[in-house]
Amino acid sequence: MFFSALLSVVCHAECRRAHDEVPHGANELIELREQTVNRVSGTILVGFGGSEPAGNVVVELYRREGNLSVQKTVQQSRVIACVAGSDGRFSFSGLKSGRYLLRVGMAEQAGINETYAPIILQSKGKKGKNQGIKIVLQLGT
């Protein structure tokens, strides 16, 4: 995809570029409320109330066009993806403003539900959440 050449995984987050890795989830897909942000970076947490950073997590980014459902969105080619290190942090740079979907799940089966986080990325100077995105993964039942 033409975005791939323009994007990078920011190195200050312990996140390495994913190649063949895909997110795995337990028995439920969790969809979070859409939020507006100024940058696509944050931390993946797990445990009771999100008490621990979640390492070895795959974070995929998809462009979200029109009114596509999250299931239809992830059937498209991902824009970029990374595998979070032990600190659970991720960061993507070089993105254009627009609607995106983060798909987050464990790199291996672990009984933790996959989570979708729809976001609107707005360029600097516009309203948007400046602090990092926090996604808490939930245990499957």
Protein backbone atom coordinates (compact mmCIF):
# COMPACT_ATOMS: atom_id res chain seq x y z
CA MET A 1 0.00 0.00 0.00
CA PHE A 2 1.27 3.50 -0.75
CA PHE A 3 1.09 4.52 2.94
CA SER A 4 3.76 1.97 3.91
CA ALA A 5 6.64 3.97 2.46
CA LEU A 6 5.61 7.07 4.41
CA LEU A 7 5.04 5.47 7.79
CA SER A 8 7.37 4.48 10.51
CA VAL A 9 7.24 2.97 13.94
CA VAL A 10 8.63 5.53 16.37
CA CYS A 11 11.62 4.09 18.21
CA HIS A 12 11.05 5.69 21.62
CA ALA A 13 8.29 3.15 22.18
CA GLU A 14 9.46 -0.42 22.63
CA CYS A 15 7.59 -1.53 19.55
CA ARG A 16 9.12 -3.42 16.65
CA ARG A 17 7.57 -3.52 13.21
CA ALA A 18 5.28 -6.53 12.73
CA HIS A 19 5.66 -8.59 9.61
CA ASP A 20 3.67 -11.84 9.69
CA GLU A 21 2.31 -11.38 13.22
CA VAL A 22 -1.43 -10.87 13.67
CA PRO A 23 -3.49 -10.17 16.80
CA HIS A 24 -5.08 -13.12 18.56
CA GLY A 25 -8.09 -12.85 20.82
CA ALA A 26 -10.22 -15.01 23.06
CA ASN A 27 -13.97 -15.44 22.65
CA GLU A 28 -15.09 -11.80 22.43
CA LEU A 29 -14.22 -8.76 20.33
CA ILE A 30 -14.24 -5.51 22.29
CA GLU A 31 -15.00 -2.27 20.43
CA LEU A 32 -14.11 0.97 22.21
CA ARG A 33 -15.75 4.35 21.67
CA GLU A 34 -14.21 6.46 18.90
CA GLN A 35 -11.84 9.15 20.14
CA THR A 36 -10.08 12.09 18.52
CA VAL A 37 -6.30 12.24 18.89
CA ASN A 38 -3.37 14.37 17.66
CA ARG A 39 -1.00 11.40 17.36
CA VAL A 40 -1.26 7.62 17.25
CA SER A 41 0.73 6.41 20.22
CA GLY A 42 0.01 4.96 23.59
CA THR A 43 0.15 2.00 25.93
CA ILE A 44 -1.56 -1.38 25.98
CA LEU A 45 -2.45 -2.56 29.48
CA VAL A 46 -3.84 -5.79 30.94
CA GLY A 47 -4.86 -7.07 34.36
CA PHE A 48 -7.46 -5.96 36.83
CA GLY A 49 -8.24 -2.35 35.94
CA GLY A 50 -5.32 -2.18 33.51
CA SER A 51 -2.69 -2.47 36.21
CA GLU A 52 0.12 -3.98 34.10
CA PRO A 53 1.69 -3.14 30.72
CA ALA A 54 0.85 -5.81 28.14
CA GLY A 55 3.92 -7.00 26.27
CA ASN A 56 4.03 -9.13 23.11
CA VAL A 57 0.89 -7.45 21.79
CA VAL A 58 0.25 -6.86 18.08
CA VAL A 59 -1.10 -3.39 17.26
CA GLU A 60 -2.44 -3.06 13.71
CA LEU A 61 -3.57 0.19 12.09
CA TYR A 62 -6.24 0.31 9.37
CA ARG A 63 -7.61 3.27 7.42
CA ARG A 64 -11.36 3.50 8.11
CA GLU A 65 -13.34 4.67 5.10
CA GLY A 66 -16.99 5.74 5.17
CA ASN A 67 -19.28 3.83 7.49
CA LEU A 68 -17.54 0.46 7.29
CA SER A 69 -18.00 -1.77 10.33
CA VAL A 70 -14.88 -2.79 12.22
CA GLN A 71 -15.16 -6.31 10.79
CA LYS A 72 -15.24 -4.95 7.21
CA THR A 73 -12.40 -2.53 7.98
CA VAL A 74 -10.03 -5.31 9.12
CA GLN A 75 -10.73 -7.23 5.91
CA GLN A 76 -8.76 -4.51 4.12
CA SER A 77 -4.97 -4.36 4.06
CA ARG A 78 -3.47 -2.97 7.23
CA VAL A 79 -1.54 0.27 6.89
CA ILE A 80 1.16 -0.65 9.43
CA ALA A 81 1.59 -2.83 12.51
CA CYS A 82 4.00 -3.33 15.39
CA VAL A 83 4.58 -5.73 18.26
CA ALA A 84 4.76 -3.95 21.62
CA GLY A 85 7.63 -4.84 23.92
CA SER A 86 7.43 -5.45 27.64
CA ASP A 87 6.41 -1.82 28.30
CA GLY A 88 3.23 -2.20 26.18
CA ARG A 89 3.99 1.02 24.29
CA PHE A 90 3.33 1.67 20.60
CA SER A 91 3.67 4.66 18.30
CA PHE A 92 3.14 5.34 14.60
CA SER A 93 4.28 8.48 12.79
CA GLY A 94 3.86 9.95 9.32
CA LEU A 95 0.08 9.47 9.21
CA LYS A 96 -2.31 11.80 7.44
CA SER A 97 -5.37 13.15 9.26
CA GLY A 98 -8.40 10.92 8.98
CA ARG A 99 -10.28 8.00 10.49
CA TYR A 100 -8.35 4.91 11.54
CA LEU A 101 -8.91 1.71 13.46
CA LEU A 102 -6.45 0.16 15.88
CA ARG A 103 -6.80 -3.63 16.18
CA VAL A 104 -5.03 -4.93 19.29
CA GLY A 105 -4.49 -8.52 20.41
CA MET A 106 -1.87 -10.84 21.82
CA ALA A 107 0.84 -12.14 19.47
CA GLU A 108 -0.01 -15.66 20.72
CA GLN A 109 -3.20 -17.21 22.12
CA ALA A 110 -3.42 -16.09 25.76
CA GLY A 111 -7.13 -16.02 26.70
CA ILE A 112 -7.32 -12.25 26.32
CA ASN A 113 -9.97 -10.59 24.14
CA GLU A 114 -9.05 -8.70 20.97
CA THR A 115 -9.86 -4.97 21.10
CA TYR A 116 -10.77 -2.48 18.36
CA ALA A 117 -10.15 1.22 19.01
CA PRO A 118 -11.57 3.59 16.35
CA ILE A 119 -9.77 6.93 16.22
CA ILE A 120 -9.91 10.20 14.35
CA LEU A 121 -6.44 11.60 13.78
CA GLN A 122 -6.39 15.38 13.49
CA SER A 123 -3.36 17.39 12.54
CA LYS A 124 -1.65 19.53 15.14
CA GLY A 125 -3.40 22.74 16.04
CA LYS A 126 -6.84 21.13 15.99
CA LYS A 127 -8.72 19.71 18.93
CA GLY A 128 -7.68 16.23 19.88
CA LYS A 129 -6.34 14.17 22.73
CA ASN A 130 -2.62 14.92 23.15
CA GLN A 131 -1.78 12.35 25.79
CA GLY A 132 -1.24 8.75 24.72
CA ILE A 133 -4.01 6.33 23.89
CA LYS A 134 -4.56 3.75 26.63
CA ILE A 135 -6.12 0.43 25.71
CA VAL A 136 -6.91 -2.08 28.45
CA LEU A 137 -7.19 -5.66 27.21
CA GLN A 138 -9.80 -7.78 28.95
CA LEU A 139 -9.55 -11.42 29.95
CA GLY A 140 -11.78 -13.77 27.96
CA THR A 141 -14.45 -15.85 29.64
